[in-house]
Amino acid sequence: MAPNDQGNPTKKQGSSNRGFASMDPQRQREIASEGGRAAHEKGTAHEFTSEEAREAGRKGGQARSQSNRSNRASSAGGNR
């Protein structure tokens, strides 16, 4: 048996039951929502203007498109 197993066959090697990432997704949403509400109440939350949102979407689309091109180029070279 692996040293990290410690008798628990269902536990993945190297995983931890601590921290935000190991929480139930519903609990993560609750915590994140509380933070968002607190920021809005405090007045420090950033609210995107339509222009900022448009720019962010454009950048995301460019990054995704570039990623797709590099994936196609690398997979096409080795399979032919």
PDB file of N, CA and C in Angstrom:
ATOM      1  N   MET A   1       0.830  -1.198   0.000  1.00  0.00           N
ATOM      2  CA  MET A   1       0.000   0.000   0.000  1.00  0.00           C
ATOM      3  C   MET A   1       0.874   1.261   0.000  1.00  0.00           C
ATOM      4  N   ALA A   2       0.334   2.343  -0.556  1.00  0.00           N
ATOM      5  CA  ALA A   2       1.064   3.603  -0.595  1.00  0.00           C
ATOM      6  C   ALA A   2       1.155   4.207   0.793  1.00  0.00           C
ATOM      7  N   PRO A   3       2.235   4.922   1.075  1.00  0.00           N
ATOM      8  CA  PRO A   3       2.411   5.489   2.420  1.00  0.00           C
ATOM      9  C   PRO A   3       1.333   6.482   2.830  1.00  0.00           C
ATOM     10  N   ASN A   4       0.714   7.182   1.871  1.00  0.00           N
ATOM     11  CA  ASN A   4      -0.309   8.183   2.206  1.00  0.00           C
ATOM     12  C   ASN A   4      -1.686   7.570   2.423  1.00  0.00           C
ATOM     13  N   ASP A   5      -1.844   6.286   2.140  1.00  0.00           N
ATOM     14  CA  ASP A   5      -3.143   5.632   2.194  1.00  0.00           C
ATOM     15  C   ASP A   5      -3.665   5.486   3.623  1.00  0.00           C
ATOM     16  N   GLN A   6      -2.848   5.090   4.554  1.00  0.00           N
ATOM     17  CA  GLN A   6      -3.181   4.949   5.976  1.00  0.00           C
ATOM     18  C   GLN A   6      -4.465   4.158   6.204  1.00  0.00           C
ATOM     19  N   GLY A   7      -4.630   3.051   5.453  1.00  0.00           N
ATOM     20  CA  GLY A   7      -5.746   2.158   5.717  1.00  0.00           C
ATOM     21  C   GLY A   7      -7.088   2.582   5.151  1.00  0.00           C
ATOM     22  N   ASN A   8      -7.161   3.656   4.434  1.00  0.00           N
ATOM     23  CA  ASN A   8      -8.421   4.122   3.864  1.00  0.00           C
ATOM     24  C   ASN A   8      -8.390   3.881   2.355  1.00  0.00           C
ATOM     25  N   PRO A   9      -9.006   2.802   1.864  1.00  0.00           N
ATOM     26  CA  PRO A   9      -8.904   2.488   0.442  1.00  0.00           C
ATOM     27  C   PRO A   9      -9.633   3.464  -0.474  1.00  0.00           C
ATOM     28  N   THR A  10     -10.559   4.260   0.032  1.00  0.00           N
ATOM     29  CA  THR A  10     -11.294   5.185  -0.827  1.00  0.00           C
ATOM     30  C   THR A  10     -10.588   6.525  -0.972  1.00  0.00           C
ATOM     31  N   LYS A  11      -9.624   6.811  -0.134  1.00  0.00           N
ATOM     32  CA  LYS A  11      -8.928   8.089  -0.185  1.00  0.00           C
ATOM     33  C   LYS A  11      -7.885   8.079  -1.288  1.00  0.00           C
ATOM     34  N   LYS A  12      -7.870   9.106  -2.122  1.00  0.00           N
ATOM     35  CA  LYS A  12      -6.907   9.200  -3.206  1.00  0.00           C
ATOM     36  C   LYS A  12      -5.531   9.531  -2.626  1.00  0.00           C
ATOM     37  N   GLN A  13      -4.508   9.014  -3.272  1.00  0.00           N
ATOM     38  CA  GLN A  13      -3.158   9.294  -2.823  1.00  0.00           C
ATOM     39  C   GLN A  13      -2.855  10.777  -3.029  1.00  0.00           C
ATOM     40  N   GLY A  14      -2.327  11.425  -1.998  1.00  0.00           N
ATOM     41  CA  GLY A  14      -1.952  12.819  -2.085  1.00  0.00           C
ATOM     42  C   GLY A  14      -3.091  13.797  -1.889  1.00  0.00           C
ATOM     43  N   SER A  15      -4.308  13.328  -1.718  1.00  0.00           N
ATOM     44  CA  SER A  15      -5.422  14.254  -1.538  1.00  0.00           C
ATOM     45  C   SER A  15      -5.518  14.650  -0.065  1.00  0.00           C
ATOM     46  N   SER A  16      -6.260  15.689   0.187  1.00  0.00           N
ATOM     47  CA  SER A  16      -6.421  16.185   1.542  1.00  0.00           C
ATOM     48  C   SER A  16      -7.880  16.520   1.770  1.00  0.00           C
ATOM     49  N   ASN A  17      -8.329  16.400   2.989  1.00  0.00           N
ATOM     50  CA  ASN A  17      -9.708  16.764   3.286  1.00  0.00           C
ATOM     51  C   ASN A  17      -9.773  18.158   3.904  1.00  0.00           C
ATOM     52  N   ARG A  18      -8.743  18.953   3.664  1.00  0.00           N
ATOM     53  CA  ARG A  18      -8.689  20.308   4.214  1.00  0.00           C
ATOM     54  C   ARG A  18      -8.734  21.318   3.086  1.00  0.00           C
ATOM     55  N   GLY A  19      -9.218  22.496   3.387  1.00  0.00           N
ATOM     56  CA  GLY A  19      -9.161  23.589   2.435  1.00  0.00           C
ATOM     57  C   GLY A  19     -10.422  23.772   1.603  1.00  0.00           C
ATOM     58  N   PHE A  20     -10.459  24.906   0.930  1.00  0.00           N
ATOM     59  CA  PHE A  20     -11.620  25.323   0.148  1.00  0.00           C
ATOM     60  C   PHE A  20     -11.908  24.362  -0.997  1.00  0.00           C
ATOM     61  N   ALA A  21     -10.869  23.910  -1.692  1.00  0.00           N
ATOM     62  CA  ALA A  21     -11.069  23.067  -2.870  1.00  0.00           C
ATOM     63  C   ALA A  21     -11.657  21.708  -2.526  1.00  0.00           C
ATOM     64  N   SER A  22     -11.458  21.243  -1.310  1.00  0.00           N
ATOM     65  CA  SER A  22     -11.968  19.923  -0.940  1.00  0.00           C
ATOM     66  C   SER A  22     -13.395  19.985  -0.404  1.00  0.00           C
ATOM     67  N   MET A  23     -13.939  21.190  -0.288  1.00  0.00           N
ATOM     68  CA  MET A  23     -15.302  21.341   0.239  1.00  0.00           C
ATOM     69  C   MET A  23     -16.350  20.926  -0.788  1.00  0.00           C
ATOM     70  N   ASP A  24     -17.519  20.661  -0.300  1.00  0.00           N
ATOM     71  CA  ASP A  24     -18.683  20.395  -1.130  1.00  0.00           C
ATOM     72  C   ASP A  24     -18.919  21.630  -2.024  1.00  0.00           C
ATOM     73  N   PRO A  25     -19.170  21.454  -3.316  1.00  0.00           N
ATOM     74  CA  PRO A  25     -19.379  22.603  -4.205  1.00  0.00           C
ATOM     75  C   PRO A  25     -20.471  23.565  -3.732  1.00  0.00           C
ATOM     76  N   GLN A  26     -21.516  23.045  -3.113  1.00  0.00           N
ATOM     77  CA  GLN A  26     -22.582  23.914  -2.606  1.00  0.00           C
ATOM     78  C   GLN A  26     -22.043  24.822  -1.507  1.00  0.00           C
ATOM     79  N   ARG A  27     -21.214  24.274  -0.616  1.00  0.00           N
ATOM     80  CA  ARG A  27     -20.626  25.077   0.469  1.00  0.00           C
ATOM     81  C   ARG A  27     -19.669  26.124  -0.093  1.00  0.00           C
ATOM     82  N   GLN A  28     -18.920  25.772  -1.138  1.00  0.00           N
ATOM     83  CA  GLN A  28     -18.036  26.745  -1.784  1.00  0.00           C
ATOM     84  C   GLN A  28     -18.841  27.924  -2.317  1.00  0.00           C
ATOM     85  N   ARG A  29     -19.979  27.627  -2.968  1.00  0.00           N
ATOM     86  CA  ARG A  29     -20.832  28.700  -3.498  1.00  0.00           C
ATOM     87  C   ARG A  29     -21.359  29.592  -2.389  1.00  0.00           C
ATOM     88  N   GLU A  30     -21.748  28.978  -1.265  1.00  0.00           N
ATOM     89  CA  GLU A  30     -22.264  29.770  -0.142  1.00  0.00           C
ATOM     90  C   GLU A  30     -21.199  30.733   0.380  1.00  0.00           C
ATOM     91  N   ILE A  31     -19.981  30.245   0.553  1.00  0.00           N
ATOM     92  CA  ILE A  31     -18.891  31.083   1.068  1.00  0.00           C
ATOM     93  C   ILE A  31     -18.573  32.202   0.079  1.00  0.00           C
ATOM     94  N   ALA A  32     -18.484  31.871  -1.201  1.00  0.00           N
ATOM     95  CA  ALA A  32     -18.184  32.881  -2.215  1.00  0.00           C
ATOM     96  C   ALA A  32     -19.282  33.939  -2.277  1.00  0.00           C
ATOM     97  N   SER A  33     -20.514  33.504  -2.127  1.00  0.00           N
ATOM     98  CA  SER A  33     -21.635  34.434  -2.155  1.00  0.00           C
ATOM     99  C   SER A  33     -21.576  35.406  -0.978  1.00  0.00           C
ATOM    100  N   GLU A  34     -21.219  34.888   0.184  1.00  0.00           N
ATOM    101  CA  GLU A  34     -21.088  35.753   1.368  1.00  0.00           C
ATOM    102  C   GLU A  34     -20.038  36.825   1.131  1.00  0.00           C
ATOM    103  N   GLY A  35     -18.915  36.430   0.513  1.00  0.00           N
ATOM    104  CA  GLY A  35     -17.860  37.396   0.216  1.00  0.00           C
ATOM    105  C   GLY A  35     -18.319  38.457  -0.757  1.00  0.00           C
ATOM    106  N   GLY A  36     -19.061  38.043  -1.760  1.00  0.00           N
ATOM    107  CA  GLY A  36     -19.574  39.000  -2.737  1.00  0.00           C
ATOM    108  C   GLY A  36     -20.542  39.982  -2.123  1.00  0.00           C
ATOM    109  N   ARG A  37     -21.437  39.474  -1.282  1.00  0.00           N
ATOM    110  CA  ARG A  37     -22.397  40.370  -0.608  1.00  0.00           C
ATOM    111  C   ARG A  37     -21.661  41.363   0.293  1.00  0.00           C
ATOM    112  N   ALA A  38     -20.663  40.884   1.016  1.00  0.00           N
ATOM    113  CA  ALA A  38     -19.921  41.765   1.917  1.00  0.00           C
ATOM    114  C   ALA A  38     -19.204  42.862   1.136  1.00  0.00           C
ATOM    115  N   ALA A  39     -18.622  42.510   0.002  1.00  0.00           N
ATOM    116  CA  ALA A  39     -17.916  43.503  -0.814  1.00  0.00           C
ATOM    117  C   ALA A  39     -18.884  44.554  -1.344  1.00  0.00           C
ATOM    118  N   HIS A  40     -20.074  44.136  -1.752  1.00  0.00           N
ATOM    119  CA  HIS A  40     -21.057  45.100  -2.248  1.00  0.00           C
ATOM    120  C   HIS A  40     -21.534  46.012  -1.125  1.00  0.00           C
ATOM    121  N   GLU A  41     -21.762  45.459   0.054  1.00  0.00           N
ATOM    122  CA  GLU A  41     -22.191  46.280   1.189  1.00  0.00           C
ATOM    123  C   GLU A  41     -21.116  47.291   1.575  1.00  0.00           C
ATOM    124  N   LYS A  42     -19.862  46.868   1.493  1.00  0.00           N
ATOM    125  CA  LYS A  42     -18.743  47.739   1.847  1.00  0.00           C
ATOM    126  C   LYS A  42     -18.481  48.778   0.766  1.00  0.00           C
ATOM    127  N   GLY A  43     -18.925  48.473  -0.457  1.00  0.00           N
ATOM    128  CA  GLY A  43     -18.719  49.401  -1.571  1.00  0.00           C
ATOM    129  C   GLY A  43     -17.417  49.174  -2.308  1.00  0.00           C
ATOM    130  N   THR A  44     -16.757  48.047  -2.074  1.00  0.00           N
ATOM    131  CA  THR A  44     -15.479  47.779  -2.732  1.00  0.00           C
ATOM    132  C   THR A  44     -15.609  46.779  -3.880  1.00  0.00           C
ATOM    133  N   ALA A  45     -16.797  46.286  -4.148  1.00  0.00           N
ATOM    134  CA  ALA A  45     -16.988  45.315  -5.224  1.00  0.00           C
ATOM    135  C   ALA A  45     -16.895  46.022  -6.570  1.00  0.00           C
ATOM    136  N   HIS A  46     -16.266  45.380  -7.515  1.00  0.00           N
ATOM    137  CA  HIS A  46     -16.163  45.941  -8.863  1.00  0.00           C
ATOM    138  C   HIS A  46     -17.368  45.511  -9.676  1.00  0.00           C
ATOM    139  N   GLU A  47     -18.018  46.459 -10.281  1.00  0.00           N
ATOM    140  CA  GLU A  47     -19.136  46.154 -11.166  1.00  0.00           C
ATOM    141  C   GLU A  47     -18.720  46.534 -12.571  1.00  0.00           C
ATOM    142  N   PHE A  48     -18.717  45.549 -13.462  1.00  0.00           N
ATOM    143  CA  PHE A  48     -18.298  45.778 -14.832  1.00  0.00           C
ATOM    144  C   PHE A  48     -19.280  46.671 -15.564  1.00  0.00           C
ATOM    145  N   THR A  49     -18.734  47.611 -16.327  1.00  0.00           N
ATOM    146  CA  THR A  49     -19.561  48.360 -17.262  1.00  0.00           C
ATOM    147  C   THR A  49     -19.753  47.466 -18.488  1.00  0.00           C
ATOM    148  N   SER A  50     -20.674  47.816 -19.346  1.00  0.00           N
ATOM    149  CA  SER A  50     -20.887  46.998 -20.540  1.00  0.00           C
ATOM    150  C   SER A  50     -19.637  46.999 -21.419  1.00  0.00           C
ATOM    151  N   GLU A  51     -18.910  48.104 -21.434  1.00  0.00           N
ATOM    152  CA  GLU A  51     -17.688  48.171 -22.238  1.00  0.00           C
ATOM    153  C   GLU A  51     -16.602  47.250 -21.661  1.00  0.00           C
ATOM    154  N   GLU A  52     -16.448  47.227 -20.344  1.00  0.00           N
ATOM    155  CA  GLU A  52     -15.461  46.334 -19.711  1.00  0.00           C
ATOM    156  C   GLU A  52     -15.822  44.869 -19.950  1.00  0.00           C
ATOM    157  N   ALA A  53     -17.084  44.554 -19.856  1.00  0.00           N
ATOM    158  CA  ALA A  53     -17.524  43.180 -20.080  1.00  0.00           C
ATOM    159  C   ALA A  53     -17.284  42.771 -21.529  1.00  0.00           C
ATOM    160  N   ARG A  54     -17.538  43.669 -22.452  1.00  0.00           N
ATOM    161  CA  ARG A  54     -17.311  43.393 -23.872  1.00  0.00           C
ATOM    162  C   ARG A  54     -15.831  43.126 -24.129  1.00  0.00           C
ATOM    163  N   GLU A  55     -14.967  43.943 -23.550  1.00  0.00           N
ATOM    164  CA  GLU A  55     -13.520  43.779 -23.708  1.00  0.00           C
ATOM    165  C   GLU A  55     -13.043  42.459 -23.112  1.00  0.00           C
ATOM    166  N   ALA A  56     -13.541  42.101 -21.949  1.00  0.00           N
ATOM    167  CA  ALA A  56     -13.158  40.837 -21.318  1.00  0.00           C
ATOM    168  C   ALA A  56     -13.599  39.649 -22.170  1.00  0.00           C
ATOM    169  N   GLY A  57     -14.783  39.710 -22.718  1.00  0.00           N
ATOM    170  CA  GLY A  57     -15.274  38.647 -23.581  1.00  0.00           C
ATOM    171  C   GLY A  57     -14.460  38.520 -24.852  1.00  0.00           C
ATOM    172  N   ARG A  58     -14.061  39.658 -25.396  1.00  0.00           N
ATOM    173  CA  ARG A  58     -13.242  39.640 -26.611  1.00  0.00           C
ATOM    174  C   ARG A  58     -11.901  38.980 -26.320  1.00  0.00           C
ATOM    175  N   LYS A  59     -11.267  39.337 -25.212  1.00  0.00           N
ATOM    176  CA  LYS A  59      -9.968  38.752 -24.853  1.00  0.00           C
ATOM    177  C   LYS A  59     -10.097  37.253 -24.614  1.00  0.00           C
ATOM    178  N   GLY A  60     -11.167  36.837 -23.952  1.00  0.00           N
ATOM    179  CA  GLY A  60     -11.375  35.416 -23.712  1.00  0.00           C
ATOM    180  C   GLY A  60     -11.552  34.650 -25.007  1.00  0.00           C
ATOM    181  N   GLY A  61     -12.278  35.228 -25.934  1.00  0.00           N
ATOM    182  CA  GLY A  61     -12.473  34.594 -27.227  1.00  0.00           C
ATOM    183  C   GLY A  61     -11.175  34.477 -28.007  1.00  0.00           C
ATOM    184  N   GLN A  62     -10.332  35.489 -27.925  1.00  0.00           N
ATOM    185  CA  GLN A  62      -9.043  35.441 -28.610  1.00  0.00           C
ATOM    186  C   GLN A  62      -8.154  34.363 -27.998  1.00  0.00           C
ATOM    187  N   ALA A  63      -8.123  34.282 -26.694  1.00  0.00           N
ATOM    188  CA  ALA A  63      -7.291  33.290 -26.019  1.00  0.00           C
ATOM    189  C   ALA A  63      -7.765  31.885 -26.351  1.00  0.00           C
ATOM    190  N   ARG A  64      -9.057  31.664 -26.384  1.00  0.00           N
ATOM    191  CA  ARG A  64      -9.626  30.350 -26.691  1.00  0.00           C
ATOM    192  C   ARG A  64      -9.311  29.972 -28.129  1.00  0.00           C
ATOM    193  N   SER A  65      -9.444  30.927 -29.023  1.00  0.00           N
ATOM    194  CA  SER A  65      -9.167  30.672 -30.429  1.00  0.00           C
ATOM    195  C   SER A  65      -7.700  30.319 -30.628  1.00  0.00           C
ATOM    196  N   GLN A  66      -6.813  31.029 -29.974  1.00  0.00           N
ATOM    197  CA  GLN A  66      -5.380  30.767 -30.079  1.00  0.00           C
ATOM    198  C   GLN A  66      -5.052  29.384 -29.518  1.00  0.00           C
ATOM    199  N   SER A  67      -5.678  29.016 -28.419  1.00  0.00           N
ATOM    200  CA  SER A  67      -5.465  27.707 -27.823  1.00  0.00           C
ATOM    201  C   SER A  67      -5.911  26.604 -28.772  1.00  0.00           C
ATOM    202  N   ASN A  68      -7.040  26.777 -29.422  1.00  0.00           N
ATOM    203  CA  ASN A  68      -7.531  25.782 -30.372  1.00  0.00           C
ATOM    204  C   ASN A  68      -6.580  25.614 -31.544  1.00  0.00           C
ATOM    205  N   ARG A  69      -6.034  26.713 -32.037  1.00  0.00           N
ATOM    206  CA  ARG A  69      -5.103  26.636 -33.165  1.00  0.00           C
ATOM    207  C   ARG A  69      -3.851  25.869 -32.782  1.00  0.00           C
ATOM    208  N   SER A  70      -3.294  26.142 -31.602  1.00  0.00           N
ATOM    209  CA  SER A  70      -2.068  25.457 -31.201  1.00  0.00           C
ATOM    210  C   SER A  70      -2.333  23.979 -30.941  1.00  0.00           C
ATOM    211  N   ASN A  71      -3.505  23.627 -30.426  1.00  0.00           N
ATOM    212  CA  ASN A  71      -3.851  22.219 -30.211  1.00  0.00           C
ATOM    213  C   ASN A  71      -3.975  21.478 -31.536  1.00  0.00           C
ATOM    214  N   ARG A  72      -4.575  22.094 -32.526  1.00  0.00           N
ATOM    215  CA  ARG A  72      -4.729  21.448 -33.831  1.00  0.00           C
ATOM    216  C   ARG A  72      -3.382  21.261 -34.500  1.00  0.00           C
ATOM    217  N   ALA A  73      -2.505  22.248 -34.393  1.00  0.00           N
ATOM    218  CA  ALA A  73      -1.198  22.167 -35.039  1.00  0.00           C
ATOM    219  C   ALA A  73      -0.346  21.070 -34.416  1.00  0.00           C
ATOM    220  N   SER A  74      -0.382  20.937 -33.108  1.00  0.00           N
ATOM    221  CA  SER A  74       0.456  19.927 -32.451  1.00  0.00           C
ATOM    222  C   SER A  74      -0.081  18.528 -32.672  1.00  0.00           C
ATOM    223  N   SER A  75      -1.391  18.344 -32.758  1.00  0.00           N
ATOM    224  CA  SER A  75      -1.952  16.996 -32.946  1.00  0.00           C
ATOM    225  C   SER A  75      -1.886  16.567 -34.410  1.00  0.00           C
ATOM    226  N   ALA A  76      -1.921  17.486 -35.343  1.00  0.00           N
ATOM    227  CA  ALA A  76      -1.896  17.126 -36.751  1.00  0.00           C
ATOM    228  C   ALA A  76      -0.516  16.659 -37.181  1.00  0.00           C
ATOM    229  N   GLY A  77       0.534  17.152 -36.593  1.00  0.00           N
ATOM    230  CA  GLY A  77       1.891  16.786 -36.999  1.00  0.00           C
ATOM    231  C   GLY A  77       2.255  15.360 -36.696  1.00  0.00           C
ATOM    232  N   GLY A  78       1.799  14.791 -35.593  1.00  0.00           N
ATOM    233  CA  GLY A  78       2.200  13.455 -35.194  1.00  0.00           C
ATOM    234  C   GLY A  78       1.343  12.339 -35.722  1.00  0.00           C
ATOM    235  N   ASN A  79       0.179  12.658 -36.286  1.00  0.00           N
ATOM    236  CA  ASN A  79      -0.754  11.613 -36.692  1.00  0.00           C
ATOM    237  C   ASN A  79      -0.709  11.300 -38.177  1.00  0.00           C
ATOM    238  N   ARG A  80       0.080  11.985 -38.946  1.00  0.00           N
ATOM    239  CA  ARG A  80       0.060  11.794 -40.407  1.00  0.00           C
ATOM    240  C   ARG A  80       1.256  11.059 -40.896  1.00  0.00           C
TER     241      ARG A  80
END
